[in-house]
Amino acid sequence: MNLNQLETLLTISKTMSFRKAGEVLNLTQPAVSAQIKSLEDEFKTVLIDRNQPVTLTDSGRVFLEHAELILQTVEDLKQRLADLNQTPQGHIHLGTTTSIAIQILPRVLSYFQNQFPLIKTTIHSMTSSQIMQSVENGTIDIGITYLFEKHPALESSVLYYDTFELVVSPQHPLSRFQHIPIEKLQDIPLIMLSPETAGRRFVDQIFKQLNLAPQIVMELSSSEEVKRMVELNLGAAIISKMSIATELRLGTLKMIKVNELEISHPVGVVYKSGRYLSSALHQFLLDLKGMQEIQFIGSE
């Protein structure tokens, strides 16, 4: 068994085709077939059902799990050896929400890229719950998200605090008010974030505590989408204060105070407890934690 064979099996599992796997790996189809046949002979089992589309057998799925662990171990070894050079380098997969990505990451990543040009960062946009899950299962290296609850398998560090605010279009009937009671929200159409987002879970909790039944006319997966609908005066919304800084400055949205919403929520960085930190990841976390709150929430 060699690593190339494991890479081939992994690629076939993704492409579901010997031909496509060969194209990805720059191998001929007979070479791909020969590598898989060699594995099957060595382990005396059938790993792949060769009917179209190609799929893994039960043995193949078990084998793949271990193959992925072996390949990840080899990658970790390569990274550890590279770290011996004492020059932060490598590839970081970072997960965060759309609004956080738009608001703070340009400043953070611009600074980081200037300081450490050998480090590559890939951003994955997802909900807060997906971020926690992805960090825990190793799909992403670190996450920047709302820290609503403690996860025993994850380490976290607060970067700054945010609130969720009521916003309307300047043409909305409520726009003339500076402050309204939360009960008033029962009487107006609301555009909400989707249920799996951090902001929506917070709002639902508030409404449930007060026995209020909001009129939800639209649900969207990101604050950017919600803002556009509110600007069109299709309803009011409750979204991150950080995400509306530009619109408030331009006057395309109006923020209205609601006492029950004035709760500060920590936004922070999370990563898996006990995992090996490459030089790139170690440096990124060090610099991120060292930044003052004003560097995240300061004006563009």
C-alpha atoms as a PDB file:
ATOM      1  CA  MET A   1       0.000   0.000   0.000  1.00  0.00           C
ATOM      2  CA  ASN A   2       1.238   3.521  -0.781  1.00  0.00           C
ATOM      3  CA  LEU A   3      -0.118   7.032  -0.373  1.00  0.00           C
ATOM      4  CA  ASN A   4      -0.857   7.393  -4.093  1.00  0.00           C
ATOM      5  CA  GLN A   5      -3.275   4.487  -3.871  1.00  0.00           C
ATOM      6  CA  LEU A   6      -5.068   6.146  -0.967  1.00  0.00           C
ATOM      7  CA  GLU A   7      -5.267   9.441  -2.873  1.00  0.00           C
ATOM      8  CA  THR A   8      -6.722   7.558  -5.838  1.00  0.00           C
ATOM      9  CA  LEU A   9      -9.405   5.887  -3.727  1.00  0.00           C
ATOM     10  CA  LEU A  10     -10.298   9.234  -2.137  1.00  0.00           C
ATOM     11  CA  THR A  11     -10.577  10.902  -5.549  1.00  0.00           C
ATOM     12  CA  ILE A  12     -12.768   8.106  -6.935  1.00  0.00           C
ATOM     13  CA  SER A  13     -15.091   8.466  -3.930  1.00  0.00           C
ATOM     14  CA  LYS A  14     -15.518  12.155  -4.803  1.00  0.00           C
ATOM     15  CA  THR A  15     -15.772  11.896  -8.608  1.00  0.00           C
ATOM     16  CA  MET A  16     -17.624   8.532  -8.740  1.00  0.00           C
ATOM     17  CA  SER A  17     -15.672   7.743 -11.894  1.00  0.00           C
ATOM     18  CA  PHE A  18     -12.352   6.049 -12.746  1.00  0.00           C
ATOM     19  CA  ARG A  19     -12.001   8.316 -15.789  1.00  0.00           C
ATOM     20  CA  LYS A  20     -12.645  11.572 -13.892  1.00  0.00           C
ATOM     21  CA  ALA A  21     -10.336  10.465 -11.076  1.00  0.00           C
ATOM     22  CA  GLY A  22      -7.611   9.889 -13.652  1.00  0.00           C
ATOM     23  CA  GLU A  23      -8.127  13.396 -15.045  1.00  0.00           C
ATOM     24  CA  VAL A  24      -7.860  14.930 -11.572  1.00  0.00           C
ATOM     25  CA  LEU A  25      -4.741  12.917 -10.703  1.00  0.00           C
ATOM     26  CA  ASN A  26      -3.211  13.145 -14.195  1.00  0.00           C
ATOM     27  CA  LEU A  27      -3.262   9.345 -14.549  1.00  0.00           C
ATOM     28  CA  THR A  28      -4.591   7.066 -17.260  1.00  0.00           C
ATOM     29  CA  GLN A  29      -7.735   5.115 -16.501  1.00  0.00           C
ATOM     30  CA  PRO A  30      -5.819   1.775 -16.561  1.00  0.00           C
ATOM     31  CA  ALA A  31      -3.359   3.202 -14.023  1.00  0.00           C
ATOM     32  CA  VAL A  32      -6.237   4.197 -11.732  1.00  0.00           C
ATOM     33  CA  SER A  33      -7.793   0.738 -12.078  1.00  0.00           C
ATOM     34  CA  ALA A  34      -4.453  -0.924 -11.363  1.00  0.00           C
ATOM     35  CA  GLN A  35      -3.949   1.052  -8.147  1.00  0.00           C
ATOM     36  CA  ILE A  36      -7.385   0.118  -6.817  1.00  0.00           C
ATOM     37  CA  LYS A  37      -6.964  -3.533  -7.875  1.00  0.00           C
ATOM     38  CA  SER A  38      -3.633  -3.633  -6.027  1.00  0.00           C
ATOM     39  CA  LEU A  39      -5.308  -2.358  -2.840  1.00  0.00           C
ATOM     40  CA  GLU A  40      -8.116  -4.876  -3.171  1.00  0.00           C
ATOM     41  CA  ASP A  41      -5.649  -7.729  -3.683  1.00  0.00           C
ATOM     42  CA  GLU A  42      -3.556  -6.665  -0.698  1.00  0.00           C
ATOM     43  CA  PHE A  43      -6.523  -6.424   1.667  1.00  0.00           C
ATOM     44  CA  LYS A  44      -8.454  -9.300   0.057  1.00  0.00           C
ATOM     45  CA  THR A  45     -11.696  -7.370  -0.329  1.00  0.00           C
ATOM     46  CA  VAL A  46     -13.684  -5.437  -2.948  1.00  0.00           C
ATOM     47  CA  LEU A  47     -13.493  -1.698  -2.300  1.00  0.00           C
ATOM     48  CA  ILE A  48     -15.383  -0.340  -5.309  1.00  0.00           C
ATOM     49  CA  ASP A  49     -18.617  -1.344  -7.055  1.00  0.00           C
ATOM     50  CA  ARG A  50     -17.676  -0.739 -10.678  1.00  0.00           C
ATOM     51  CA  ASN A  51     -21.256  -0.367 -11.952  1.00  0.00           C
ATOM     52  CA  GLN A  52     -22.126   3.135 -13.141  1.00  0.00           C
ATOM     53  CA  PRO A  53     -22.019   5.405 -11.300  1.00  0.00           C
ATOM     54  CA  VAL A  54     -19.031   4.022  -9.413  1.00  0.00           C
ATOM     55  CA  THR A  55     -19.653   3.709  -5.659  1.00  0.00           C
ATOM     56  CA  LEU A  56     -17.776   2.414  -2.639  1.00  0.00           C
ATOM     57  CA  THR A  57     -18.717  -0.943  -1.157  1.00  0.00           C
ATOM     58  CA  ASP A  58     -19.214  -1.287   2.604  1.00  0.00           C
ATOM     59  CA  SER A  59     -15.562  -2.348   2.833  1.00  0.00           C
ATOM     60  CA  GLY A  60     -14.614   0.629   0.694  1.00  0.00           C
ATOM     61  CA  ARG A  61     -16.350   3.095   3.014  1.00  0.00           C
ATOM     62  CA  VAL A  62     -14.598   1.659   6.079  1.00  0.00           C
ATOM     63  CA  PHE A  63     -11.283   1.704   4.201  1.00  0.00           C
ATOM     64  CA  LEU A  64     -11.857   5.330   3.126  1.00  0.00           C
ATOM     65  CA  GLU A  65     -12.320   6.504   6.721  1.00  0.00           C
ATOM     66  CA  HIS A  66      -8.897   5.142   7.642  1.00  0.00           C
ATOM     67  CA  ALA A  67      -7.334   6.371   4.391  1.00  0.00           C
ATOM     68  CA  GLU A  68      -8.470   9.923   5.178  1.00  0.00           C
ATOM     69  CA  LEU A  69      -6.934   9.687   8.664  1.00  0.00           C
ATOM     70  CA  ILE A  70      -3.651   8.430   7.217  1.00  0.00           C
ATOM     71  CA  LEU A  71      -3.509  11.195   4.613  1.00  0.00           C
ATOM     72  CA  GLN A  72      -4.315  13.828   7.249  1.00  0.00           C
ATOM     73  CA  THR A  73      -1.551  12.453   9.476  1.00  0.00           C
ATOM     74  CA  VAL A  74       0.907  12.766   6.591  1.00  0.00           C
ATOM     75  CA  GLU A  75      -0.220  16.378   5.977  1.00  0.00           C
ATOM     76  CA  ASP A  76       0.272  17.165   9.671  1.00  0.00           C
ATOM     77  CA  LEU A  77       3.747  15.654   9.490  1.00  0.00           C
ATOM     78  CA  LYS A  78       4.626  17.793   6.462  1.00  0.00           C
ATOM     79  CA  GLN A  79       3.358  20.885   8.284  1.00  0.00           C
ATOM     80  CA  ARG A  80       5.326  20.084  11.445  1.00  0.00           C
ATOM     81  CA  LEU A  81       8.495  19.652   9.414  1.00  0.00           C
ATOM     82  CA  ALA A  82       7.846  22.920   7.560  1.00  0.00           C
ATOM     83  CA  ASP A  83       7.348  24.629  10.918  1.00  0.00           C
ATOM     84  CA  LEU A  84      10.927  23.777  11.828  1.00  0.00           C
ATOM     85  CA  ASN A  85      11.950  26.656   9.575  1.00  0.00           C
ATOM     86  CA  GLN A  86      10.353  29.020  12.104  1.00  0.00           C
ATOM     87  CA  THR A  87       8.661  30.949   9.298  1.00  0.00           C
ATOM     88  CA  PRO A  88       4.863  31.038   9.679  1.00  0.00           C
ATOM     89  CA  GLN A  89       3.519  29.402   6.552  1.00  0.00           C
ATOM     90  CA  GLY A  90       0.715  27.120   5.512  1.00  0.00           C
ATOM     91  CA  HIS A  91      -2.977  27.129   4.678  1.00  0.00           C
ATOM     92  CA  ILE A  92      -5.716  28.179   7.116  1.00  0.00           C
ATOM     93  CA  HIS A  93      -9.384  27.319   6.534  1.00  0.00           C
ATOM     94  CA  LEU A  94     -11.483  29.880   8.409  1.00  0.00           C
ATOM     95  CA  GLY A  95     -15.252  29.676   8.843  1.00  0.00           C
ATOM     96  CA  THR A  96     -17.417  32.676   9.640  1.00  0.00           C
ATOM     97  CA  THR A  97     -20.807  34.230   8.926  1.00  0.00           C
ATOM     98  CA  THR A  98     -21.393  36.423   5.885  1.00  0.00           C
ATOM     99  CA  SER A  99     -21.860  39.602   7.919  1.00  0.00           C
ATOM    100  CA  ILE A 100     -18.698  39.044   9.977  1.00  0.00           C
ATOM    101  CA  ALA A 101     -16.746  38.213   6.827  1.00  0.00           C
ATOM    102  CA  ILE A 102     -17.809  41.468   5.166  1.00  0.00           C
ATOM    103  CA  GLN A 103     -17.412  43.701   8.206  1.00  0.00           C
ATOM    104  CA  ILE A 104     -14.162  42.676   9.908  1.00  0.00           C
ATOM    105  CA  LEU A 105     -12.217  40.191   7.798  1.00  0.00           C
ATOM    106  CA  PRO A 106     -10.994  42.660   5.156  1.00  0.00           C
ATOM    107  CA  ARG A 107      -9.142  44.615   7.871  1.00  0.00           C
ATOM    108  CA  VAL A 108      -7.890  41.522   9.682  1.00  0.00           C
ATOM    109  CA  LEU A 109      -6.749  39.619   6.591  1.00  0.00           C
ATOM    110  CA  SER A 110      -5.187  42.677   4.962  1.00  0.00           C
ATOM    111  CA  TYR A 111      -2.992  43.178   8.020  1.00  0.00           C
ATOM    112  CA  PHE A 112      -2.194  39.489   8.261  1.00  0.00           C
ATOM    113  CA  GLN A 113      -1.318  39.119   4.574  1.00  0.00           C
ATOM    114  CA  ASN A 114       1.082  42.036   4.778  1.00  0.00           C
ATOM    115  CA  GLN A 115       2.815  40.580   7.842  1.00  0.00           C
ATOM    116  CA  PHE A 116       2.893  36.929   6.767  1.00  0.00           C
ATOM    117  CA  PRO A 117       2.679  36.572   2.972  1.00  0.00           C
ATOM    118  CA  LEU A 118       3.497  32.824   3.075  1.00  0.00           C
ATOM    119  CA  ILE A 119       0.198  32.052   4.822  1.00  0.00           C
ATOM    120  CA  LYS A 120      -2.812  31.371   2.610  1.00  0.00           C
ATOM    121  CA  THR A 121      -6.320  31.815   4.039  1.00  0.00           C
ATOM    122  CA  THR A 122      -9.521  30.330   2.629  1.00  0.00           C
ATOM    123  CA  ILE A 123     -12.808  31.756   3.965  1.00  0.00           C
ATOM    124  CA  HIS A 124     -15.885  29.531   4.299  1.00  0.00           C
ATOM    125  CA  SER A 125     -19.211  31.317   4.839  1.00  0.00           C
ATOM    126  CA  MET A 126     -21.631  29.439   7.108  1.00  0.00           C
ATOM    127  CA  THR A 127     -24.028  29.834  10.029  1.00  0.00           C
ATOM    128  CA  SER A 128     -22.803  29.942  13.624  1.00  0.00           C
ATOM    129  CA  SER A 129     -23.988  26.393  14.368  1.00  0.00           C
ATOM    130  CA  GLN A 130     -22.266  25.090  11.231  1.00  0.00           C
ATOM    131  CA  ILE A 131     -19.059  26.862  12.264  1.00  0.00           C
ATOM    132  CA  MET A 132     -18.989  25.116  15.649  1.00  0.00           C
ATOM    133  CA  GLN A 133     -19.677  21.740  14.058  1.00  0.00           C
ATOM    134  CA  SER A 134     -17.092  22.237  11.306  1.00  0.00           C
ATOM    135  CA  VAL A 135     -14.365  23.282  13.757  1.00  0.00           C
ATOM    136  CA  GLU A 136     -15.131  20.267  15.942  1.00  0.00           C
ATOM    137  CA  ASN A 137     -14.990  17.756  13.060  1.00  0.00           C
ATOM    138  CA  GLY A 138     -11.903  19.383  11.515  1.00  0.00           C
ATOM    139  CA  THR A 139     -13.504  20.596   8.285  1.00  0.00           C
ATOM    140  CA  ILE A 140     -12.228  24.089   9.088  1.00  0.00           C
ATOM    141  CA  ASP A 141      -9.278  25.110  11.270  1.00  0.00           C
ATOM    142  CA  ILE A 142     -10.820  28.041  13.143  1.00  0.00           C
ATOM    143  CA  GLY A 143     -14.077  29.950  13.254  1.00  0.00           C
ATOM    144  CA  ILE A 144     -15.075  33.512  14.058  1.00  0.00           C
ATOM    145  CA  THR A 145     -18.624  33.551  15.351  1.00  0.00           C
ATOM    146  CA  TYR A 146     -21.041  34.490  18.137  1.00  0.00           C
ATOM    147  CA  LEU A 147     -20.147  32.701  21.374  1.00  0.00           C
ATOM    148  CA  PHE A 148     -23.633  32.015  22.702  1.00  0.00           C
ATOM    149  CA  GLU A 149     -22.761  28.751  24.395  1.00  0.00           C
ATOM    150  CA  LYS A 150     -19.718  26.843  25.613  1.00  0.00           C
ATOM    151  CA  HIS A 151     -18.582  23.773  23.667  1.00  0.00           C
ATOM    152  CA  PRO A 152     -16.394  21.423  25.735  1.00  0.00           C
ATOM    153  CA  ALA A 153     -14.396  20.254  22.698  1.00  0.00           C
ATOM    154  CA  LEU A 154     -13.586  23.810  21.592  1.00  0.00           C
ATOM    155  CA  GLU A 155     -11.347  26.606  22.831  1.00  0.00           C
ATOM    156  CA  SER A 156     -12.667  30.151  22.423  1.00  0.00           C
ATOM    157  CA  SER A 157     -11.518  33.724  22.938  1.00  0.00           C
ATOM    158  CA  VAL A 158     -13.695  36.869  22.779  1.00  0.00           C
ATOM    159  CA  LEU A 159     -12.669  39.434  20.159  1.00  0.00           C
ATOM    160  CA  TYR A 160     -15.424  42.052  20.475  1.00  0.00           C
ATOM    161  CA  TYR A 161     -19.103  42.520  21.379  1.00  0.00           C
ATOM    162  CA  ASP A 162     -22.089  43.071  19.092  1.00  0.00           C
ATOM    163  CA  THR A 163     -25.823  43.704  19.539  1.00  0.00           C
ATOM    164  CA  PHE A 164     -28.876  42.942  17.431  1.00  0.00           C
ATOM    165  CA  GLU A 165     -30.951  45.980  16.506  1.00  0.00           C
ATOM    166  CA  LEU A 166     -34.290  46.791  14.904  1.00  0.00           C
ATOM    167  CA  VAL A 167     -33.870  48.448  11.488  1.00  0.00           C
ATOM    168  CA  VAL A 168     -36.363  49.873   9.019  1.00  0.00           C
ATOM    169  CA  SER A 169     -36.340  51.785   5.763  1.00  0.00           C
ATOM    170  CA  PRO A 170     -36.516  55.604   6.042  1.00  0.00           C
ATOM    171  CA  GLN A 171     -39.925  55.240   4.326  1.00  0.00           C
ATOM    172  CA  HIS A 172     -41.250  52.832   6.967  1.00  0.00           C
ATOM    173  CA  PRO A 173     -44.008  54.165   9.305  1.00  0.00           C
ATOM    174  CA  LEU A 174     -41.821  53.469  12.343  1.00  0.00           C
ATOM    175  CA  SER A 175     -38.862  55.446  11.001  1.00  0.00           C
ATOM    176  CA  ARG A 176     -40.014  58.603  12.786  1.00  0.00           C
ATOM    177  CA  PHE A 177     -39.472  56.938  16.174  1.00  0.00           C
ATOM    178  CA  GLN A 178     -36.176  56.783  18.056  1.00  0.00           C
ATOM    179  CA  HIS A 179     -37.430  54.156  20.470  1.00  0.00           C
ATOM    180  CA  ILE A 180     -40.383  51.735  20.583  1.00  0.00           C
ATOM    181  CA  PRO A 181     -41.659  49.057  23.016  1.00  0.00           C
ATOM    182  CA  ILE A 182     -41.018  45.512  21.848  1.00  0.00           C
ATOM    183  CA  GLU A 183     -44.761  44.740  21.885  1.00  0.00           C
ATOM    184  CA  LYS A 184     -45.042  47.032  18.850  1.00  0.00           C
ATOM    185  CA  LEU A 185     -43.169  44.443  16.790  1.00  0.00           C
ATOM    186  CA  GLN A 186     -46.245  42.195  16.805  1.00  0.00           C
ATOM    187  CA  ASP A 187     -48.040  44.728  14.617  1.00  0.00           C
ATOM    188  CA  ILE A 188     -45.519  44.985  11.758  1.00  0.00           C
ATOM    189  CA  PRO A 189     -44.245  42.594   9.080  1.00  0.00           C
ATOM    190  CA  LEU A 190     -40.780  41.286   9.979  1.00  0.00           C
ATOM    191  CA  ILE A 191     -38.024  40.033   7.711  1.00  0.00           C
ATOM    192  CA  MET A 192     -36.067  37.492   9.720  1.00  0.00           C
ATOM    193  CA  LEU A 193     -32.806  35.643   9.460  1.00  0.00           C
ATOM    194  CA  SER A 194     -33.257  31.896   8.941  1.00  0.00           C
ATOM    195  CA  PRO A 195     -33.825  29.783  12.101  1.00  0.00           C
ATOM    196  CA  GLU A 196     -30.325  28.242  12.174  1.00  0.00           C
ATOM    197  CA  THR A 197     -28.547  31.614  12.477  1.00  0.00           C
ATOM    198  CA  ALA A 198     -27.300  33.080  15.770  1.00  0.00           C
ATOM    199  CA  GLY A 199     -29.301  36.283  15.390  1.00  0.00           C
ATOM    200  CA  ARG A 200     -32.553  34.445  14.765  1.00  0.00           C
ATOM    201  CA  ARG A 201     -32.071  32.124  17.737  1.00  0.00           C
ATOM    202  CA  PHE A 202     -31.569  35.160  19.973  1.00  0.00           C
ATOM    203  CA  VAL A 203     -34.665  36.944  18.637  1.00  0.00           C
ATOM    204  CA  ASP A 204     -36.819  33.807  18.917  1.00  0.00           C
ATOM    205  CA  GLN A 205     -35.731  33.430  22.525  1.00  0.00           C
ATOM    206  CA  ILE A 206     -36.730  37.015  23.345  1.00  0.00           C
ATOM    207  CA  PHE A 207     -40.138  36.652  21.673  1.00  0.00           C
ATOM    208  CA  LYS A 208     -40.744  33.344  23.460  1.00  0.00           C
ATOM    209  CA  GLN A 209     -39.876  34.817  26.874  1.00  0.00           C
ATOM    210  CA  LEU A 210     -42.354  37.662  26.314  1.00  0.00           C
ATOM    211  CA  ASN A 211     -45.051  35.473  24.704  1.00  0.00           C
ATOM    212  CA  LEU A 212     -45.010  37.573  21.543  1.00  0.00           C
ATOM    213  CA  ALA A 213     -46.011  36.234  18.131  1.00  0.00           C
ATOM    214  CA  PRO A 214     -44.212  38.163  15.357  1.00  0.00           C
ATOM    215  CA  GLN A 215     -45.552  38.496  11.802  1.00  0.00           C
ATOM    216  CA  ILE A 216     -42.760  36.886   9.810  1.00  0.00           C
ATOM    217  CA  VAL A 217     -43.158  37.632   6.107  1.00  0.00           C
ATOM    218  CA  MET A 218     -39.739  36.543   4.881  1.00  0.00           C
ATOM    219  CA  GLU A 219     -36.761  34.458   6.065  1.00  0.00           C
ATOM    220  CA  LEU A 220     -33.286  34.886   4.575  1.00  0.00           C
ATOM    221  CA  SER A 221     -29.962  33.212   5.283  1.00  0.00           C
ATOM    222  CA  SER A 222     -27.709  36.272   5.593  1.00  0.00           C
ATOM    223  CA  SER A 223     -27.780  39.812   6.981  1.00  0.00           C
ATOM    224  CA  GLU A 224     -26.805  41.169   3.555  1.00  0.00           C
ATOM    225  CA  GLU A 225     -29.982  39.738   2.010  1.00  0.00           C
ATOM    226  CA  VAL A 226     -32.094  40.970   4.906  1.00  0.00           C
ATOM    227  CA  LYS A 227     -30.709  44.506   4.584  1.00  0.00           C
ATOM    228  CA  ARG A 228     -31.565  44.700   0.895  1.00  0.00           C
ATOM    229  CA  MET A 229     -35.181  43.670   1.557  1.00  0.00           C
ATOM    230  CA  VAL A 230     -35.519  46.211   4.382  1.00  0.00           C
ATOM    231  CA  GLU A 231     -34.103  48.950   2.139  1.00  0.00           C
ATOM    232  CA  LEU A 232     -36.909  48.103  -0.311  1.00  0.00           C
ATOM    233  CA  ASN A 233     -39.343  48.725   2.582  1.00  0.00           C
ATOM    234  CA  LEU A 234     -40.702  45.178   2.488  1.00  0.00           C
ATOM    235  CA  GLY A 235     -40.591  44.929   6.274  1.00  0.00           C
ATOM    236  CA  ALA A 236     -38.557  45.631   9.425  1.00  0.00           C
ATOM    237  CA  ALA A 237     -35.718  43.408  10.650  1.00  0.00           C
ATOM    238  CA  ILE A 238     -33.557  42.630  13.674  1.00  0.00           C
ATOM    239  CA  ILE A 239     -29.929  42.130  12.652  1.00  0.00           C
ATOM    240  CA  SER A 240     -26.363  42.700  13.813  1.00  0.00           C
ATOM    241  CA  LYS A 241     -25.467  46.308  14.580  1.00  0.00           C
ATOM    242  CA  MET A 242     -21.997  45.685  13.142  1.00  0.00           C
ATOM    243  CA  SER A 243     -23.516  44.693   9.813  1.00  0.00           C
ATOM    244  CA  ILE A 244     -25.486  47.924   9.330  1.00  0.00           C
ATOM    245  CA  ALA A 245     -22.749  50.517   9.933  1.00  0.00           C
ATOM    246  CA  THR A 246     -22.464  51.475   6.256  1.00  0.00           C
ATOM    247  CA  GLU A 247     -26.237  51.682   5.692  1.00  0.00           C
ATOM    248  CA  LEU A 248     -26.736  53.855   8.764  1.00  0.00           C
ATOM    249  CA  ARG A 249     -24.001  56.195   7.561  1.00  0.00           C
ATOM    250  CA  LEU A 250     -25.535  56.405   4.088  1.00  0.00           C
ATOM    251  CA  GLY A 251     -29.058  56.816   5.468  1.00  0.00           C
ATOM    252  CA  THR A 252     -30.535  53.815   3.619  1.00  0.00           C
ATOM    253  CA  LEU A 253     -31.528  52.210   6.933  1.00  0.00           C
ATOM    254  CA  LYS A 254     -32.827  53.651  10.214  1.00  0.00           C
ATOM    255  CA  MET A 255     -32.091  51.999  13.562  1.00  0.00           C
ATOM    256  CA  ILE A 256     -34.739  52.083  16.290  1.00  0.00           C
ATOM    257  CA  LYS A 257     -33.958  51.269  19.917  1.00  0.00           C
ATOM    258  CA  VAL A 258     -35.824  48.406  21.613  1.00  0.00           C
ATOM    259  CA  ASN A 259     -34.850  47.908  25.262  1.00  0.00           C
ATOM    260  CA  GLU A 260     -35.199  44.122  25.278  1.00  0.00           C
ATOM    261  CA  LEU A 261     -32.751  43.779  22.392  1.00  0.00           C
ATOM    262  CA  GLU A 262     -29.974  45.783  24.063  1.00  0.00           C
ATOM    263  CA  ILE A 263     -27.895  42.779  25.097  1.00  0.00           C
ATOM    264  CA  SER A 264     -24.208  42.565  24.196  1.00  0.00           C
ATOM    265  CA  HIS A 265     -23.175  39.310  22.550  1.00  0.00           C
ATOM    266  CA  PRO A 266     -19.543  38.158  22.439  1.00  0.00           C
ATOM    267  CA  VAL A 267     -18.026  37.457  19.034  1.00  0.00           C
ATOM    268  CA  GLY A 268     -14.881  35.390  19.169  1.00  0.00           C
ATOM    269  CA  VAL A 269     -12.503  32.922  17.633  1.00  0.00           C
ATOM    270  CA  VAL A 270     -12.944  29.174  18.197  1.00  0.00           C
ATOM    271  CA  TYR A 271     -10.669  26.231  17.500  1.00  0.00           C
ATOM    272  CA  LYS A 272     -10.551  22.583  18.536  1.00  0.00           C
ATOM    273  CA  SER A 273      -9.081  21.806  21.943  1.00  0.00           C
ATOM    274  CA  GLY A 274      -5.868  19.834  21.894  1.00  0.00           C
ATOM    275  CA  ARG A 275      -5.291  20.022  18.124  1.00  0.00           C
ATOM    276  CA  TYR A 276      -1.836  20.623  16.712  1.00  0.00           C
ATOM    277  CA  LEU A 277      -1.389  24.305  15.856  1.00  0.00           C
ATOM    278  CA  SER A 278       0.751  24.843  12.772  1.00  0.00           C
ATOM    279  CA  SER A 279       2.998  27.911  12.716  1.00  0.00           C
ATOM    280  CA  ALA A 280       0.432  29.620  10.465  1.00  0.00           C
ATOM    281  CA  LEU A 281      -2.479  28.844  12.776  1.00  0.00           C
ATOM    282  CA  HIS A 282      -0.513  29.679  15.914  1.00  0.00           C
ATOM    283  CA  GLN A 283       0.523  33.059  14.496  1.00  0.00           C
ATOM    284  CA  PHE A 284      -2.977  33.843  13.233  1.00  0.00           C
ATOM    285  CA  LEU A 285      -4.546  33.094  16.627  1.00  0.00           C
ATOM    286  CA  LEU A 286      -1.832  35.023  18.446  1.00  0.00           C
ATOM    287  CA  ASP A 287      -2.354  38.137  16.338  1.00  0.00           C
ATOM    288  CA  LEU A 288      -6.144  37.833  16.328  1.00  0.00           C
ATOM    289  CA  LYS A 289      -6.352  37.577  20.119  1.00  0.00           C
ATOM    290  CA  GLY A 290      -3.896  40.446  20.459  1.00  0.00           C
ATOM    291  CA  MET A 291      -6.018  42.893  18.478  1.00  0.00           C
ATOM    292  CA  GLN A 292      -7.937  45.514  20.444  1.00  0.00           C
ATOM    293  CA  GLU A 293     -11.726  45.638  20.100  1.00  0.00           C
ATOM    294  CA  ILE A 294     -11.565  48.984  18.263  1.00  0.00           C
ATOM    295  CA  GLN A 295      -9.679  47.259  15.442  1.00  0.00           C
ATOM    296  CA  PHE A 296     -12.749  45.127  14.759  1.00  0.00           C
ATOM    297  CA  ILE A 297     -15.519  47.654  15.314  1.00  0.00           C
ATOM    298  CA  GLY A 298     -13.749  50.817  14.104  1.00  0.00           C
ATOM    299  CA  SER A 299     -15.102  52.645  11.055  1.00  0.00           C
ATOM    300  CA  GLU A 300     -14.042  51.574   7.572  1.00  0.00           C
END
